[in-house]
């Protein structure tokens, strides 16, 4: 990752896309897999999974396993 995207105080990276953009992409494709959403934003699958899991904990999305693949939907 690019060092200029790292917050000097917290060490956290600034995401390339907002949660609202992620939710919009999900709405347009739901149900959508993690890899599909990662491809939309050209980010890693673990990065997309982490963001989606956070949104699930916040009650904004939900997930379920379909044929061994986790898919995401708006709540």
N, C-alpha and C. Protein backbone atom coordinates (compact mmCIF):
# COMPACT_ATOMS: atom_id res chain seq x y z
N UNK A 1 0.83 -1.19 0.00
CA UNK A 1 0.00 0.00 0.00
C UNK A 1 0.87 1.24 0.00
N UNK A 2 0.30 2.28 -0.45
CA UNK A 2 0.98 3.55 -0.59
C UNK A 2 1.14 4.21 0.78
N UNK A 3 2.36 4.61 1.12
CA UNK A 3 2.61 5.24 2.42
C UNK A 3 1.85 6.56 2.57
N UNK A 4 1.57 7.29 1.47
CA UNK A 4 0.86 8.55 1.60
C UNK A 4 -0.61 8.34 1.94
N UNK A 5 -1.08 7.10 1.89
CA UNK A 5 -2.45 6.80 2.31
C UNK A 5 -2.51 6.39 3.77
N UNK A 6 -1.38 6.38 4.45
CA UNK A 6 -1.33 5.98 5.85
C UNK A 6 -1.44 7.23 6.73
N UNK A 7 -2.37 7.18 7.72
CA UNK A 7 -2.52 8.27 8.68
C UNK A 7 -1.29 8.27 9.58
N UNK A 8 -0.55 9.38 9.64
CA UNK A 8 0.68 9.39 10.43
C UNK A 8 0.44 9.21 11.93
N UNK A 9 -0.74 9.57 12.41
CA UNK A 9 -1.03 9.45 13.84
C UNK A 9 -1.48 8.05 14.23
N UNK A 10 -2.35 7.44 13.42
CA UNK A 10 -2.92 6.15 13.78
C UNK A 10 -2.25 4.98 13.08
N UNK A 11 -1.58 5.26 11.97
CA UNK A 11 -0.98 4.19 11.19
C UNK A 11 -1.98 3.48 10.30
N UNK A 12 -3.25 3.88 10.35
CA UNK A 12 -4.30 3.26 9.55
C UNK A 12 -4.23 3.77 8.11
N UNK A 13 -4.57 2.90 7.17
CA UNK A 13 -4.64 3.29 5.77
C UNK A 13 -6.00 3.89 5.47
N UNK A 14 -6.02 4.89 4.60
CA UNK A 14 -7.27 5.48 4.14
C UNK A 14 -7.80 4.59 3.01
N UNK A 15 -9.04 4.12 3.14
CA UNK A 15 -9.57 3.25 2.09
C UNK A 15 -9.76 4.01 0.78
N UNK A 16 -9.69 3.27 -0.33
CA UNK A 16 -9.88 3.86 -1.65
C UNK A 16 -11.34 4.13 -1.96
N UNK A 17 -12.25 3.56 -1.18
CA UNK A 17 -13.67 3.74 -1.41
C UNK A 17 -14.38 3.82 -0.07
N UNK A 18 -15.51 4.51 -0.08
CA UNK A 18 -16.26 4.71 1.16
C UNK A 18 -17.21 3.54 1.41
N UNK A 19 -17.70 3.46 2.63
CA UNK A 19 -18.70 2.45 2.95
C UNK A 19 -19.95 2.67 2.10
N UNK A 20 -20.33 3.93 1.86
CA UNK A 20 -21.49 4.22 1.03
C UNK A 20 -21.30 3.70 -0.39
N UNK A 21 -20.09 3.85 -0.93
CA UNK A 21 -19.81 3.33 -2.27
C UNK A 21 -19.88 1.80 -2.28
N UNK A 22 -19.40 1.18 -1.23
CA UNK A 22 -19.47 -0.28 -1.13
C UNK A 22 -20.92 -0.74 -1.02
N UNK A 23 -21.72 -0.06 -0.23
CA UNK A 23 -23.13 -0.40 -0.10
C UNK A 23 -23.87 -0.21 -1.43
N UNK A 24 -23.54 0.83 -2.16
CA UNK A 24 -24.16 1.08 -3.46
C UNK A 24 -23.81 -0.03 -4.45
N UNK A 25 -22.55 -0.42 -4.47
CA UNK A 25 -22.12 -1.51 -5.35
C UNK A 25 -22.84 -2.81 -4.98
N UNK A 26 -23.00 -3.05 -3.70
CA UNK A 26 -23.71 -4.24 -3.25
C UNK A 26 -25.17 -4.18 -3.68
N UNK A 27 -25.80 -3.04 -3.52
CA UNK A 27 -27.21 -2.88 -3.90
C UNK A 27 -27.40 -3.18 -5.40
N UNK A 28 -26.46 -2.76 -6.22
CA UNK A 28 -26.57 -2.96 -7.66
C UNK A 28 -26.33 -4.41 -8.08
N UNK A 29 -25.71 -5.21 -7.21
CA UNK A 29 -25.33 -6.57 -7.59
C UNK A 29 -25.91 -7.66 -6.69
N UNK A 30 -26.61 -7.29 -5.65
CA UNK A 30 -26.96 -8.29 -4.64
C UNK A 30 -27.84 -9.40 -5.16
N UNK A 31 -27.62 -10.60 -4.63
CA UNK A 31 -26.55 -10.93 -3.70
C UNK A 31 -25.21 -10.97 -4.44
N UNK A 32 -24.17 -10.55 -3.77
CA UNK A 32 -22.85 -10.49 -4.38
C UNK A 32 -21.82 -11.17 -3.50
N UNK A 33 -20.89 -11.83 -4.14
CA UNK A 33 -19.79 -12.47 -3.42
C UNK A 33 -18.69 -11.48 -3.09
N UNK A 34 -17.87 -11.85 -2.15
CA UNK A 34 -16.76 -11.00 -1.72
C UNK A 34 -15.82 -10.70 -2.88
N UNK A 35 -15.48 -11.71 -3.66
CA UNK A 35 -14.55 -11.52 -4.78
C UNK A 35 -15.14 -10.55 -5.80
N UNK A 36 -16.41 -10.69 -6.08
CA UNK A 36 -17.07 -9.79 -7.04
C UNK A 36 -16.96 -8.34 -6.58
N UNK A 37 -17.21 -8.09 -5.30
CA UNK A 37 -17.14 -6.72 -4.78
C UNK A 37 -15.69 -6.23 -4.73
N UNK A 38 -14.77 -7.10 -4.41
CA UNK A 38 -13.35 -6.72 -4.41
C UNK A 38 -12.93 -6.30 -5.82
N UNK A 39 -13.42 -7.02 -6.83
CA UNK A 39 -13.09 -6.69 -8.21
C UNK A 39 -13.62 -5.31 -8.61
N UNK A 40 -14.80 -4.95 -8.11
CA UNK A 40 -15.37 -3.64 -8.43
C UNK A 40 -14.43 -2.52 -8.01
N UNK A 41 -13.81 -2.67 -6.85
CA UNK A 41 -12.97 -1.61 -6.30
C UNK A 41 -11.48 -1.88 -6.47
N UNK A 42 -11.15 -2.95 -7.19
CA UNK A 42 -9.76 -3.30 -7.42
C UNK A 42 -8.98 -3.37 -6.10
N UNK A 43 -9.58 -4.06 -5.14
CA UNK A 43 -8.93 -4.24 -3.84
C UNK A 43 -8.79 -5.73 -3.56
N UNK A 44 -8.09 -6.06 -2.51
CA UNK A 44 -7.90 -7.47 -2.17
C UNK A 44 -9.19 -8.08 -1.63
N UNK A 45 -9.31 -9.38 -1.81
CA UNK A 45 -10.47 -10.09 -1.27
C UNK A 45 -10.50 -9.99 0.25
N UNK A 46 -9.35 -10.16 0.96
CA UNK A 46 -9.40 -10.00 2.41
C UNK A 46 -9.81 -8.59 2.84
N UNK A 47 -9.39 -7.58 2.08
CA UNK A 47 -9.78 -6.21 2.40
C UNK A 47 -11.27 -6.00 2.25
N UNK A 48 -11.84 -6.51 1.17
CA UNK A 48 -13.29 -6.40 0.96
C UNK A 48 -14.04 -7.18 2.03
N UNK A 49 -13.54 -8.38 2.35
CA UNK A 49 -14.20 -9.21 3.36
C UNK A 49 -14.22 -8.50 4.72
N UNK A 50 -13.10 -7.88 5.06
CA UNK A 50 -13.02 -7.17 6.34
C UNK A 50 -14.03 -6.02 6.39
N UNK A 51 -14.12 -5.25 5.31
CA UNK A 51 -15.06 -4.13 5.27
C UNK A 51 -16.50 -4.63 5.33
N UNK A 52 -16.80 -5.69 4.61
CA UNK A 52 -18.16 -6.23 4.61
C UNK A 52 -18.52 -6.80 5.98
N UNK A 53 -17.58 -7.46 6.63
CA UNK A 53 -17.82 -7.99 7.97
C UNK A 53 -18.11 -6.86 8.95
N UNK A 54 -17.37 -5.77 8.82
CA UNK A 54 -17.61 -4.60 9.68
C UNK A 54 -19.01 -4.05 9.44
N UNK A 55 -19.42 -3.95 8.18
CA UNK A 55 -20.77 -3.47 7.87
C UNK A 55 -21.84 -4.43 8.39
N UNK A 56 -21.53 -5.72 8.39
CA UNK A 56 -22.46 -6.70 8.94
C UNK A 56 -22.60 -6.51 10.45
N UNK A 57 -21.49 -6.28 11.13
CA UNK A 57 -21.52 -6.04 12.58
C UNK A 57 -22.31 -4.78 12.92
N UNK A 58 -22.30 -3.80 12.00
CA UNK A 58 -23.04 -2.56 12.20
C UNK A 58 -24.52 -2.71 11.81
N UNK A 59 -24.90 -3.88 11.31
CA UNK A 59 -26.28 -4.15 10.97
C UNK A 59 -26.73 -3.60 9.62
N UNK A 60 -25.78 -3.29 8.74
CA UNK A 60 -26.13 -2.71 7.44
C UNK A 60 -26.23 -3.76 6.33
N UNK A 61 -25.51 -4.86 6.48
CA UNK A 61 -25.57 -5.95 5.50
C UNK A 61 -25.71 -7.26 6.24
N UNK A 62 -26.06 -8.29 5.49
CA UNK A 62 -26.11 -9.63 6.05
C UNK A 62 -25.47 -10.58 5.04
N UNK A 63 -25.08 -11.73 5.51
CA UNK A 63 -24.42 -12.70 4.65
C UNK A 63 -25.01 -14.08 4.87
N UNK A 64 -24.80 -14.93 3.85
CA UNK A 64 -25.16 -16.34 3.99
C UNK A 64 -24.29 -17.14 3.06
N UNK A 65 -24.13 -18.41 3.38
CA UNK A 65 -23.35 -19.30 2.54
C UNK A 65 -24.26 -19.89 1.47
N UNK A 66 -23.81 -19.81 0.23
CA UNK A 66 -24.53 -20.39 -0.90
C UNK A 66 -23.52 -21.25 -1.65
N UNK A 67 -23.70 -22.55 -1.57
CA UNK A 67 -22.79 -23.45 -2.27
C UNK A 67 -21.34 -23.29 -1.86
N UNK A 68 -21.10 -23.00 -0.61
CA UNK A 68 -19.75 -22.85 -0.10
C UNK A 68 -19.15 -21.46 -0.30
N UNK A 69 -19.92 -20.54 -0.87
CA UNK A 69 -19.47 -19.17 -1.08
C UNK A 69 -20.30 -18.23 -0.23
N UNK A 70 -19.64 -17.31 0.44
CA UNK A 70 -20.36 -16.32 1.24
C UNK A 70 -20.84 -15.22 0.30
N UNK A 71 -22.14 -14.94 0.37
CA UNK A 71 -22.71 -13.84 -0.40
C UNK A 71 -23.29 -12.82 0.55
N UNK A 72 -23.33 -11.59 0.08
CA UNK A 72 -23.74 -10.45 0.89
C UNK A 72 -24.98 -9.79 0.31
N UNK A 73 -25.85 -9.32 1.20
CA UNK A 73 -27.05 -8.60 0.83
C UNK A 73 -27.25 -7.42 1.77
N UNK A 74 -27.96 -6.42 1.29
CA UNK A 74 -28.32 -5.32 2.18
C UNK A 74 -29.33 -5.82 3.18
N UNK A 75 -29.33 -5.26 4.34
CA UNK A 75 -30.27 -5.65 5.39
C UNK A 75 -31.50 -4.80 5.33
